[in-house]
Amino acid sequence: MNVGLHYKRRLWITTLENLLIRELKAKGSEDPEVKRLVVKWTTREEEKVTNNFPVAIEFNRKVARIYLTTGYLEAALDKLRDARDQAWHKHRIDLHKEIVAEINKIESD
């Protein structure tokens, strides 16, 4: 892949994530425009994780961070728990411990 094209694509994805965060904060998750944006971003990101468990785990963590940033605490914890379970089932004990620590920190704050 052309490096310039890769950079532009990464920049666009980052911009889409930032837009998603801004819109979730401003309008909430029930707004139809925000729902369309969530579906667009999720579809794009899910294409990357098919049959790739490390990427799938990081995807759930990324979604959790977006939820956490926008104030959706329970949704964030649900996604982190999904990532924790994925790490456990794939015998990624260090990653599992890292995610458990992240969950514990959020729950204690």
Protein backbone atom coordinates (compact mmCIF):
# COMPACT_ATOMS: atom_id res chain seq x y z
CA MET A 1 0.00 0.00 0.00
CA ASN A 2 1.22 3.49 -0.80
CA VAL A 3 2.50 5.09 2.42
CA GLY A 4 0.78 8.40 1.66
CA LEU A 5 -2.52 6.61 1.02
CA HIS A 6 -2.12 4.61 4.24
CA TYR A 7 -1.50 7.85 6.17
CA LYS A 8 -4.55 9.52 4.63
CA ARG A 9 -6.71 6.47 5.40
CA ARG A 10 -5.46 6.40 9.00
CA LEU A 11 -6.08 10.13 9.31
CA TRP A 12 -9.63 9.66 8.01
CA ILE A 13 -10.29 6.83 10.44
CA THR A 14 -8.97 8.92 13.32
CA THR A 15 -11.13 11.81 12.17
CA LEU A 16 -14.16 9.51 12.01
CA GLU A 17 -13.46 8.30 15.56
CA ASN A 18 -13.14 11.88 16.79
CA LEU A 19 -16.37 12.82 15.03
CA LEU A 20 -18.08 9.81 16.61
CA ILE A 21 -16.92 10.86 20.07
CA ARG A 22 -18.00 14.47 19.55
CA GLU A 23 -21.42 13.47 18.24
CA LEU A 24 -22.02 10.94 21.03
CA LYS A 25 -21.18 13.59 23.62
CA ALA A 26 -23.30 16.25 21.95
CA LYS A 27 -26.35 14.29 20.83
CA GLY A 28 -26.32 10.97 22.67
CA SER A 29 -26.56 7.46 21.32
CA GLU A 30 -30.26 7.63 20.43
CA ASP A 31 -29.89 10.37 17.82
CA PRO A 32 -30.53 8.87 14.33
CA GLU A 33 -27.53 10.67 12.83
CA VAL A 34 -25.27 9.37 15.59
CA LYS A 35 -26.65 5.85 15.16
CA ARG A 36 -25.75 5.94 11.45
CA LEU A 37 -22.26 7.16 12.32
CA VAL A 38 -21.83 4.38 14.90
CA VAL A 39 -22.88 1.77 12.34
CA LYS A 40 -20.51 3.21 9.72
CA TRP A 41 -17.55 3.26 12.13
CA THR A 42 -18.34 -0.17 13.59
CA THR A 43 -18.69 -1.77 10.16
CA ARG A 44 -15.37 -0.32 9.03
CA GLU A 45 -13.60 -1.46 12.20
CA GLU A 46 -15.17 -4.93 12.25
CA GLU A 47 -13.77 -5.61 8.77
CA LYS A 48 -10.33 -5.48 10.35
CA VAL A 49 -11.03 -7.98 13.13
CA THR A 50 -12.50 -10.92 11.26
CA ASN A 51 -10.63 -14.08 12.33
CA ASN A 52 -7.91 -12.07 14.03
CA PHE A 53 -8.34 -12.42 17.77
CA PRO A 54 -5.64 -9.93 18.91
CA VAL A 55 -7.21 -7.27 16.71
CA ALA A 56 -10.70 -8.27 17.93
CA ILE A 57 -9.62 -7.82 21.53
CA GLU A 58 -8.14 -4.41 20.77
CA PHE A 59 -11.30 -3.48 18.88
CA ASN A 60 -13.39 -4.16 21.99
CA ARG A 61 -10.97 -2.13 24.08
CA LYS A 62 -11.12 0.74 21.58
CA VAL A 63 -14.92 0.72 21.62
CA ALA A 64 -14.79 0.67 25.43
CA ARG A 65 -12.55 3.76 25.44
CA ILE A 66 -14.96 5.58 23.14
CA TYR A 67 -17.88 4.68 25.41
CA LEU A 68 -15.90 5.73 28.47
CA THR A 69 -14.88 9.03 26.88
CA THR A 70 -18.49 9.80 26.03
CA GLY A 71 -19.89 8.87 29.44
CA TYR A 72 -21.37 5.43 28.69
CA LEU A 73 -19.77 3.67 31.66
CA GLU A 74 -21.76 0.41 31.62
CA ALA A 75 -21.35 -0.01 27.86
CA ALA A 76 -17.60 0.57 28.28
CA LEU A 77 -17.40 -2.04 31.02
CA ASP A 78 -19.37 -4.52 28.91
CA LYS A 79 -16.90 -4.14 26.04
CA LEU A 80 -13.94 -4.50 28.38
CA ARG A 81 -15.49 -7.63 29.85
CA ASP A 82 -15.86 -9.00 26.32
CA ALA A 83 -12.18 -8.28 25.67
CA ARG A 84 -11.23 -9.85 29.01
CA ASP A 85 -13.14 -13.02 28.15
CA GLN A 86 -11.60 -13.17 24.67
CA ALA A 87 -8.12 -12.90 26.17
CA TRP A 88 -8.92 -15.64 28.69
CA HIS A 89 -10.26 -18.02 26.04
CA LYS A 90 -7.16 -17.47 23.90
CA HIS A 91 -4.87 -18.12 26.90
CA ARG A 92 -3.44 -14.60 26.77
CA ILE A 93 -2.98 -14.42 30.55
CA ASP A 94 -0.90 -11.21 30.61
CA LEU A 95 -3.42 -9.42 28.42
CA HIS A 96 -6.24 -10.82 30.55
CA LYS A 97 -4.61 -9.41 33.70
CA GLU A 98 -4.09 -6.04 31.99
CA ILE A 99 -7.76 -5.82 31.03
CA VAL A 100 -8.90 -6.92 34.51
CA ALA A 101 -6.76 -4.13 35.98
CA GLU A 102 -8.36 -1.66 33.55
CA ILE A 103 -11.85 -2.81 34.58
CA ASN A 104 -10.96 -2.59 38.28
CA LYS A 105 -9.60 0.93 37.86
CA ILE A 106 -12.77 2.10 36.13
CA GLU A 107 -15.00 0.46 38.73
CA SER A 108 -13.04 1.99 41.60
CA ASP A 109 -13.07 5.55 40.20
